[in-house]
N, C-alpha and C. Protein backbone atom coordinates (compact mmCIF):
# COMPACT_ATOMS: atom_id res chain seq x y z
N MET A 1 -162.32 123.52 -13.48
CA MET A 1 -163.31 124.28 -12.73
C MET A 1 -163.93 123.45 -11.60
N LYS A 2 -163.90 122.13 -11.75
CA LYS A 2 -164.54 121.28 -10.75
C LYS A 2 -163.94 121.46 -9.35
N LYS A 3 -162.63 121.73 -9.30
CA LYS A 3 -161.98 121.87 -8.00
C LYS A 3 -162.38 123.15 -7.25
N TYR A 4 -162.89 124.12 -7.96
CA TYR A 4 -163.21 125.41 -7.32
C TYR A 4 -164.34 125.29 -6.31
N TRP A 5 -165.14 124.23 -6.40
CA TRP A 5 -166.18 124.05 -5.39
C TRP A 5 -165.54 123.91 -4.02
N LEU A 6 -164.34 123.35 -3.97
CA LEU A 6 -163.64 123.16 -2.70
C LEU A 6 -163.24 124.52 -2.09
N LEU A 7 -162.72 125.41 -2.93
CA LEU A 7 -162.40 126.76 -2.48
C LEU A 7 -163.66 127.43 -1.98
N GLY A 8 -164.74 127.37 -2.73
CA GLY A 8 -166.00 128.00 -2.35
C GLY A 8 -166.59 127.42 -1.07
N LEU A 9 -166.53 126.11 -0.94
CA LEU A 9 -167.07 125.46 0.26
C LEU A 9 -166.26 125.85 1.50
N THR A 10 -164.94 125.83 1.36
CA THR A 10 -164.09 126.22 2.49
C THR A 10 -164.37 127.66 2.89
N PHE A 11 -164.47 128.52 1.89
CA PHE A 11 -164.79 129.93 2.12
C PHE A 11 -166.10 130.06 2.92
N LEU A 12 -167.16 129.37 2.45
CA LEU A 12 -168.45 129.47 3.11
C LEU A 12 -168.42 128.93 4.54
N VAL A 13 -167.76 127.79 4.74
CA VAL A 13 -167.67 127.20 6.08
C VAL A 13 -166.97 128.18 7.04
N VAL A 14 -165.87 128.77 6.60
CA VAL A 14 -165.15 129.70 7.47
C VAL A 14 -166.01 130.91 7.80
N VAL A 15 -166.64 131.51 6.79
CA VAL A 15 -167.47 132.70 7.04
C VAL A 15 -168.61 132.38 7.98
N ILE A 16 -169.30 131.28 7.75
CA ILE A 16 -170.45 130.91 8.60
C ILE A 16 -169.99 130.57 10.02
N LEU A 17 -168.95 129.76 10.17
CA LEU A 17 -168.46 129.40 11.50
C LEU A 17 -167.96 130.64 12.25
N ASP A 18 -167.25 131.50 11.55
CA ASP A 18 -166.77 132.74 12.16
C ASP A 18 -167.94 133.59 12.64
N PHE A 19 -168.94 133.77 11.77
CA PHE A 19 -170.10 134.61 12.12
C PHE A 19 -170.85 134.01 13.32
N LEU A 20 -171.10 132.72 13.28
CA LEU A 20 -171.87 132.09 14.38
C LEU A 20 -171.12 132.16 15.71
N THR A 21 -169.83 131.91 15.71
CA THR A 21 -169.08 131.97 16.97
C THR A 21 -169.04 133.41 17.51
N LYS A 22 -168.88 134.36 16.64
CA LYS A 22 -168.86 135.77 17.09
C LYS A 22 -170.22 136.19 17.61
N GLU A 23 -171.28 135.76 16.96
CA GLU A 23 -172.64 136.08 17.43
C GLU A 23 -172.87 135.45 18.82
N TYR A 24 -172.37 134.25 19.02
CA TYR A 24 -172.51 133.60 20.32
C TYR A 24 -171.80 134.46 21.39
N VAL A 25 -170.60 134.87 21.10
CA VAL A 25 -169.84 135.67 22.06
C VAL A 25 -170.56 137.00 22.33
N ILE A 26 -171.01 137.65 21.29
CA ILE A 26 -171.69 138.95 21.45
C ILE A 26 -172.92 138.82 22.32
N THR A 27 -173.70 137.74 22.12
CA THR A 27 -174.96 137.61 22.86
C THR A 27 -174.80 136.97 24.24
N HIS A 28 -173.69 136.28 24.51
CA HIS A 28 -173.54 135.59 25.80
C HIS A 28 -172.47 136.15 26.72
N PHE A 29 -171.65 137.06 26.23
CA PHE A 29 -170.55 137.59 27.02
C PHE A 29 -170.54 139.11 26.93
N PRO A 30 -170.61 139.79 28.07
CA PRO A 30 -170.48 141.25 28.03
C PRO A 30 -169.10 141.62 27.51
N LEU A 31 -169.01 142.78 26.91
CA LEU A 31 -167.72 143.27 26.41
C LEU A 31 -166.68 143.27 27.51
N TYR A 32 -165.50 142.79 27.24
CA TYR A 32 -164.35 142.70 28.16
C TYR A 32 -164.49 141.63 29.23
N SER A 33 -165.48 140.75 29.08
CA SER A 33 -165.61 139.66 30.05
C SER A 33 -164.70 138.50 29.67
N SER A 34 -164.51 137.59 30.63
CA SER A 34 -163.63 136.44 30.42
C SER A 34 -164.20 135.25 31.16
N GLN A 35 -164.21 134.09 30.48
CA GLN A 35 -164.71 132.85 31.07
C GLN A 35 -163.68 131.75 30.84
N PRO A 36 -163.10 131.20 31.92
CA PRO A 36 -162.14 130.10 31.74
C PRO A 36 -162.81 128.89 31.08
N ILE A 37 -162.13 128.32 30.11
CA ILE A 37 -162.58 127.09 29.45
C ILE A 37 -161.64 125.96 29.88
N ILE A 38 -160.36 126.17 29.74
CA ILE A 38 -159.33 125.26 30.25
C ILE A 38 -158.44 126.10 31.15
N PRO A 39 -158.67 126.05 32.47
CA PRO A 39 -157.91 126.90 33.38
C PRO A 39 -156.41 126.79 33.15
N GLY A 40 -155.77 127.93 33.10
CA GLY A 40 -154.33 127.98 32.88
C GLY A 40 -153.92 127.91 31.42
N LEU A 41 -154.92 127.82 30.50
CA LEU A 41 -154.58 127.68 29.08
C LEU A 41 -155.51 128.45 28.13
N LEU A 42 -156.83 128.40 28.36
CA LEU A 42 -157.76 128.97 27.39
C LEU A 42 -158.95 129.62 28.08
N ASN A 43 -159.20 130.87 27.71
CA ASN A 43 -160.39 131.59 28.16
C ASN A 43 -161.21 132.01 26.93
N LEU A 44 -162.52 132.10 27.10
CA LEU A 44 -163.36 132.78 26.13
C LEU A 44 -163.51 134.20 26.63
N VAL A 45 -163.24 135.16 25.77
CA VAL A 45 -163.30 136.56 26.12
C VAL A 45 -164.15 137.28 25.08
N HIS A 46 -164.48 138.52 25.37
CA HIS A 46 -165.18 139.35 24.38
C HIS A 46 -164.40 140.66 24.27
N ILE A 47 -163.65 140.75 23.19
CA ILE A 47 -162.81 141.92 22.94
C ILE A 47 -163.11 142.44 21.55
N ARG A 48 -163.03 143.75 21.38
CA ARG A 48 -163.19 144.35 20.06
C ARG A 48 -161.86 145.00 19.68
N ASN A 49 -161.26 144.48 18.63
CA ASN A 49 -159.95 144.95 18.18
C ASN A 49 -160.14 145.91 17.03
N LYS A 50 -159.78 147.17 17.24
CA LYS A 50 -159.91 148.18 16.19
C LYS A 50 -158.73 148.16 15.24
N GLY A 51 -157.66 147.47 15.61
CA GLY A 51 -156.46 147.40 14.76
C GLY A 51 -156.47 146.13 13.93
N VAL A 52 -155.27 145.71 13.53
CA VAL A 52 -155.10 144.46 12.81
C VAL A 52 -154.47 143.48 13.79
N ALA A 53 -153.81 142.46 13.28
CA ALA A 53 -153.20 141.45 14.14
C ALA A 53 -152.42 142.07 15.28
N PHE A 54 -152.63 141.55 16.47
CA PHE A 54 -151.94 142.01 17.68
C PHE A 54 -152.26 143.46 18.03
N GLY A 55 -153.36 144.00 17.49
CA GLY A 55 -153.74 145.37 17.80
C GLY A 55 -152.96 146.42 17.04
N ILE A 56 -152.13 146.01 16.08
CA ILE A 56 -151.37 146.99 15.29
C ILE A 56 -152.35 147.93 14.60
N LEU A 57 -152.05 149.19 14.60
CA LEU A 57 -152.85 150.28 14.05
C LEU A 57 -154.06 150.61 14.92
N GLY A 58 -154.21 149.96 16.06
CA GLY A 58 -155.35 150.24 16.93
C GLY A 58 -155.42 151.67 17.40
N GLY A 59 -154.26 152.30 17.56
CA GLY A 59 -154.23 153.68 18.01
C GLY A 59 -154.07 154.70 16.88
N ALA A 60 -154.10 154.24 15.62
CA ALA A 60 -153.95 155.15 14.48
C ALA A 60 -155.20 156.02 14.34
N ALA A 61 -155.05 157.12 13.60
CA ALA A 61 -156.19 158.01 13.36
C ALA A 61 -157.33 157.20 12.75
N PRO A 62 -158.53 157.28 13.35
CA PRO A 62 -159.65 156.41 12.93
C PRO A 62 -159.98 156.49 11.44
N VAL A 63 -159.93 157.66 10.85
CA VAL A 63 -160.30 157.77 9.43
C VAL A 63 -159.36 156.94 8.56
N TRP A 64 -158.06 157.13 8.73
CA TRP A 64 -157.09 156.41 7.92
C TRP A 64 -157.08 154.93 8.26
N ARG A 65 -157.17 154.60 9.53
CA ARG A 65 -157.19 153.20 9.93
C ARG A 65 -158.39 152.48 9.33
N ASP A 66 -159.55 153.10 9.43
CA ASP A 66 -160.76 152.46 8.94
C ASP A 66 -160.74 152.27 7.43
N ILE A 67 -160.25 153.27 6.71
CA ILE A 67 -160.15 153.15 5.25
C ILE A 67 -159.20 152.03 4.87
N LEU A 68 -158.03 152.05 5.50
CA LEU A 68 -157.01 151.03 5.21
C LEU A 68 -157.53 149.63 5.54
N LEU A 69 -158.18 149.49 6.69
CA LEU A 69 -158.62 148.16 7.14
C LEU A 69 -159.89 147.67 6.41
N LEU A 70 -160.53 148.56 5.67
CA LEU A 70 -161.63 148.13 4.81
C LEU A 70 -161.13 147.79 3.42
N LEU A 71 -160.15 148.55 2.93
CA LEU A 71 -159.65 148.32 1.58
C LEU A 71 -158.72 147.12 1.50
N PHE A 72 -157.85 146.94 2.49
CA PHE A 72 -156.87 145.87 2.44
C PHE A 72 -157.48 144.48 2.23
N PRO A 73 -158.50 144.09 3.01
CA PRO A 73 -159.05 142.75 2.79
C PRO A 73 -159.74 142.61 1.42
N ILE A 74 -160.32 143.68 0.92
CA ILE A 74 -160.94 143.61 -0.39
C ILE A 74 -159.88 143.38 -1.47
N VAL A 75 -158.79 144.12 -1.40
CA VAL A 75 -157.68 143.94 -2.34
C VAL A 75 -157.10 142.54 -2.21
N ALA A 76 -156.88 142.08 -0.97
CA ALA A 76 -156.30 140.76 -0.74
C ALA A 76 -157.20 139.66 -1.28
N MET A 77 -158.51 139.74 -1.00
CA MET A 77 -159.44 138.71 -1.49
C MET A 77 -159.47 138.71 -3.01
N THR A 78 -159.48 139.88 -3.62
CA THR A 78 -159.48 139.98 -5.08
C THR A 78 -158.21 139.35 -5.66
N GLY A 79 -157.07 139.68 -5.07
CA GLY A 79 -155.79 139.11 -5.54
C GLY A 79 -155.77 137.60 -5.42
N ILE A 80 -156.27 137.08 -4.32
CA ILE A 80 -156.28 135.63 -4.13
C ILE A 80 -157.19 134.94 -5.14
N LEU A 81 -158.36 135.54 -5.38
CA LEU A 81 -159.28 134.94 -6.38
C LEU A 81 -158.66 134.98 -7.77
N ILE A 82 -158.03 136.07 -8.14
CA ILE A 82 -157.36 136.15 -9.45
C ILE A 82 -156.27 135.09 -9.54
N PHE A 83 -155.48 134.94 -8.49
CA PHE A 83 -154.43 133.92 -8.46
C PHE A 83 -155.03 132.52 -8.65
N ALA A 84 -156.10 132.24 -7.91
CA ALA A 84 -156.71 130.91 -7.97
C ALA A 84 -157.29 130.64 -9.37
N LEU A 85 -157.93 131.63 -9.94
CA LEU A 85 -158.56 131.43 -11.26
C LEU A 85 -157.53 131.33 -12.39
N ARG A 86 -156.41 131.99 -12.22
CA ARG A 86 -155.37 131.95 -13.26
C ARG A 86 -154.47 130.71 -13.14
N ASN A 87 -154.60 129.99 -12.04
CA ASN A 87 -153.80 128.81 -11.81
C ASN A 87 -154.73 127.62 -11.50
N PRO A 88 -155.46 127.15 -12.51
CA PRO A 88 -156.49 126.13 -12.27
C PRO A 88 -155.94 124.76 -11.86
N GLN A 89 -154.66 124.52 -11.99
CA GLN A 89 -154.10 123.22 -11.65
C GLN A 89 -153.72 123.13 -10.18
N GLN A 90 -154.22 123.99 -9.35
CA GLN A 90 -153.85 124.00 -7.93
C GLN A 90 -154.27 122.69 -7.26
N LYS A 91 -153.45 122.26 -6.33
CA LYS A 91 -153.75 121.07 -5.57
C LYS A 91 -154.85 121.35 -4.55
N THR A 92 -155.45 120.30 -4.05
CA THR A 92 -156.56 120.41 -3.10
C THR A 92 -156.18 121.24 -1.87
N GLY A 93 -155.01 120.98 -1.30
CA GLY A 93 -154.59 121.70 -0.10
C GLY A 93 -154.44 123.19 -0.33
N ILE A 94 -153.97 123.56 -1.52
CA ILE A 94 -153.81 124.97 -1.86
C ILE A 94 -155.19 125.64 -1.93
N LEU A 95 -156.14 124.98 -2.58
CA LEU A 95 -157.49 125.55 -2.68
C LEU A 95 -158.15 125.66 -1.31
N LEU A 96 -157.94 124.67 -0.45
CA LEU A 96 -158.47 124.75 0.93
C LEU A 96 -157.86 125.95 1.63
N SER A 97 -156.57 126.13 1.49
CA SER A 97 -155.88 127.25 2.13
C SER A 97 -156.41 128.58 1.62
N LEU A 98 -156.53 128.71 0.33
CA LEU A 98 -157.00 129.96 -0.26
C LEU A 98 -158.44 130.26 0.17
N GLY A 99 -159.28 129.21 0.21
CA GLY A 99 -160.65 129.39 0.68
C GLY A 99 -160.69 129.84 2.13
N GLY A 100 -159.82 129.26 2.96
CA GLY A 100 -159.75 129.68 4.36
C GLY A 100 -159.30 131.12 4.52
N ILE A 101 -158.32 131.52 3.73
CA ILE A 101 -157.80 132.88 3.82
C ILE A 101 -158.88 133.89 3.37
N ILE A 102 -159.54 133.58 2.27
CA ILE A 102 -160.60 134.50 1.76
C ILE A 102 -161.76 134.53 2.76
N GLY A 103 -162.15 133.38 3.27
CA GLY A 103 -163.25 133.34 4.26
C GLY A 103 -162.90 134.10 5.52
N GLY A 104 -161.67 133.96 5.98
CA GLY A 104 -161.24 134.70 7.17
C GLY A 104 -161.21 136.19 6.93
N ALA A 105 -160.72 136.58 5.76
CA ALA A 105 -160.67 138.01 5.43
C ALA A 105 -162.08 138.60 5.38
N LEU A 106 -163.02 137.86 4.77
CA LEU A 106 -164.39 138.35 4.71
C LEU A 106 -165.03 138.38 6.09
N GLY A 107 -164.76 137.36 6.91
CA GLY A 107 -165.34 137.32 8.27
C GLY A 107 -164.93 138.55 9.07
N ASN A 108 -163.66 138.91 9.01
CA ASN A 108 -163.20 140.08 9.75
C ASN A 108 -163.68 141.39 9.10
N LEU A 109 -163.80 141.38 7.77
CA LEU A 109 -164.32 142.56 7.07
C LEU A 109 -165.78 142.81 7.48
N ILE A 110 -166.56 141.77 7.59
CA ILE A 110 -167.96 141.90 8.04
C ILE A 110 -167.99 142.58 9.41
N ASP A 111 -167.12 142.15 10.33
CA ASP A 111 -167.07 142.80 11.65
C ASP A 111 -166.72 144.27 11.54
N ARG A 112 -165.74 144.60 10.69
CA ARG A 112 -165.34 146.00 10.55
C ARG A 112 -166.49 146.85 10.01
N LEU A 113 -167.26 146.28 9.11
CA LEU A 113 -168.42 147.01 8.58
C LEU A 113 -169.52 147.15 9.63
N ARG A 114 -169.70 146.13 10.45
CA ARG A 114 -170.75 146.15 11.49
C ARG A 114 -170.38 146.96 12.71
N PHE A 115 -169.12 146.79 13.17
CA PHE A 115 -168.74 147.33 14.49
C PHE A 115 -167.55 148.29 14.44
N ARG A 116 -166.95 148.46 13.28
CA ARG A 116 -165.69 149.24 13.14
C ARG A 116 -164.58 148.65 14.00
N ALA A 117 -164.70 147.35 14.25
CA ALA A 117 -163.70 146.59 15.02
C ALA A 117 -163.97 145.11 14.75
N VAL A 118 -163.00 144.26 15.10
CA VAL A 118 -163.16 142.82 14.92
C VAL A 118 -163.40 142.19 16.29
N ILE A 119 -164.37 141.30 16.34
CA ILE A 119 -164.67 140.56 17.57
C ILE A 119 -163.64 139.47 17.74
N ASP A 120 -162.88 139.50 18.82
CA ASP A 120 -161.92 138.45 19.17
C ASP A 120 -162.40 137.79 20.45
N PHE A 121 -162.23 136.46 20.55
CA PHE A 121 -162.77 135.77 21.72
C PHE A 121 -161.94 134.62 22.25
N LEU A 122 -160.91 134.20 21.56
CA LEU A 122 -160.08 133.11 22.04
C LEU A 122 -158.83 133.68 22.69
N ASP A 123 -158.66 133.38 23.95
CA ASP A 123 -157.52 133.88 24.73
C ASP A 123 -156.70 132.70 25.21
N ILE A 124 -155.56 132.46 24.54
CA ILE A 124 -154.67 131.37 24.92
C ILE A 124 -153.54 131.95 25.75
N TYR A 125 -153.23 131.29 26.86
CA TYR A 125 -152.20 131.82 27.74
C TYR A 125 -151.53 130.70 28.51
N TRP A 126 -150.37 131.03 29.06
CA TRP A 126 -149.63 130.13 29.94
C TRP A 126 -149.10 130.99 31.05
N GLY A 127 -149.64 130.84 32.25
CA GLY A 127 -149.24 131.70 33.36
C GLY A 127 -149.56 133.15 33.01
N PRO A 128 -148.58 134.04 33.14
CA PRO A 128 -148.84 135.44 32.83
C PRO A 128 -148.71 135.79 31.35
N TYR A 129 -148.35 134.79 30.51
CA TYR A 129 -148.07 135.04 29.11
C TYR A 129 -149.30 134.79 28.25
N HIS A 130 -149.88 135.82 27.69
CA HIS A 130 -151.08 135.72 26.87
C HIS A 130 -150.74 135.98 25.40
N TRP A 131 -151.24 135.11 24.52
CA TRP A 131 -151.19 135.38 23.10
C TRP A 131 -152.33 136.37 22.86
N PRO A 132 -152.19 137.31 21.94
CA PRO A 132 -153.31 138.23 21.68
C PRO A 132 -154.58 137.45 21.30
N ALA A 133 -155.70 137.92 21.79
CA ALA A 133 -156.98 137.24 21.53
C ALA A 133 -157.22 137.21 20.02
N PHE A 134 -157.90 136.15 19.56
CA PHE A 134 -158.15 135.97 18.15
C PHE A 134 -159.49 135.29 17.95
N ASN A 135 -159.83 134.96 16.69
CA ASN A 135 -161.13 134.38 16.38
C ASN A 135 -160.99 133.32 15.28
N VAL A 136 -162.10 132.79 14.83
CA VAL A 136 -162.08 131.75 13.80
C VAL A 136 -161.48 132.28 12.50
N ALA A 137 -161.85 133.50 12.11
CA ALA A 137 -161.31 134.09 10.88
C ALA A 137 -159.80 134.22 10.94
N ASP A 138 -159.30 134.70 12.07
CA ASP A 138 -157.84 134.82 12.23
C ASP A 138 -157.17 133.45 12.13
N SER A 139 -157.80 132.46 12.71
CA SER A 139 -157.23 131.10 12.66
C SER A 139 -157.20 130.58 11.24
N ALA A 140 -158.26 130.80 10.48
CA ALA A 140 -158.32 130.33 9.10
C ALA A 140 -157.26 131.02 8.23
N ILE A 141 -157.09 132.32 8.45
CA ILE A 141 -156.08 133.06 7.70
C ILE A 141 -154.68 132.54 8.06
N THR A 142 -154.41 132.41 9.33
CA THR A 142 -153.08 131.96 9.77
C THR A 142 -152.77 130.56 9.29
N LEU A 143 -153.70 129.63 9.46
CA LEU A 143 -153.47 128.26 9.02
C LEU A 143 -153.33 128.18 7.49
N GLY A 144 -154.15 128.97 6.79
CA GLY A 144 -154.05 128.99 5.34
C GLY A 144 -152.71 129.49 4.85
N VAL A 145 -152.24 130.58 5.45
CA VAL A 145 -150.93 131.14 5.05
C VAL A 145 -149.81 130.16 5.40
N LEU A 146 -149.85 129.59 6.60
CA LEU A 146 -148.81 128.64 6.99
C LEU A 146 -148.77 127.44 6.04
N PHE A 147 -149.94 126.92 5.67
CA PHE A 147 -149.98 125.80 4.76
C PHE A 147 -149.41 126.17 3.39
N LEU A 148 -149.76 127.38 2.91
CA LEU A 148 -149.23 127.82 1.61
C LEU A 148 -147.71 127.92 1.66
N VAL A 149 -147.21 128.56 2.69
CA VAL A 149 -145.75 128.71 2.81
C VAL A 149 -145.10 127.32 2.85
N PHE A 150 -145.62 126.45 3.67
CA PHE A 150 -145.08 125.09 3.79
C PHE A 150 -145.15 124.35 2.46
N SER A 151 -146.28 124.46 1.77
CA SER A 151 -146.45 123.78 0.47
C SER A 151 -145.47 124.27 -0.56
N TYR A 152 -145.27 125.57 -0.63
CA TYR A 152 -144.35 126.12 -1.62
C TYR A 152 -142.87 125.85 -1.25
N MET A 153 -142.60 125.76 0.04
CA MET A 153 -141.23 125.39 0.46
C MET A 153 -140.93 123.96 0.04
N ILE A 154 -141.88 123.07 0.26
CA ILE A 154 -141.69 121.66 -0.11
C ILE A 154 -141.59 121.53 -1.64
N ARG A 155 -142.41 122.28 -2.35
CA ARG A 155 -142.41 122.22 -3.81
C ARG A 155 -141.07 122.66 -4.37
N LYS A 156 -140.45 123.69 -3.79
CA LYS A 156 -139.14 124.17 -4.24
C LYS A 156 -138.05 123.20 -3.92
N GLU A 157 -138.17 122.48 -2.78
CA GLU A 157 -137.14 121.51 -2.41
C GLU A 157 -137.21 120.26 -3.27
N GLY A 158 -138.41 119.92 -3.74
CA GLY A 158 -138.61 118.68 -4.48
C GLY A 158 -138.27 118.72 -5.89
């Protein structure tokens, strides 16, 4: 049980950092505005994404989209917690990853409850090629999943 503090701490750090950065964007940037941070590479923007990653489901019927996008993170967070609690011998990196994923899921769920959309603000691009805007929660989820996949691939090879 001692290791679970790490999962909880990671979770809290992600939720708080995600909330604070989104609040900063909401209060300092009008909707759809853009401010170059590293010209030619990174802008701070203020976008509200009603869909999921890359805007998928953004054009779906609002009732079904909203129900699905509220239920999915709850089910995912519950599943991850059950997995973590049933596998107490998890390594530190796994617990960090799980905490980041749960924190990111909750951060975006909070946005959906508040705004019926997720606040995205990081716009990475190269010339005319833009990666879809994202936020701290998205980053924590992505890095957590990538680390898990990498960890389990290495574990199977070893």
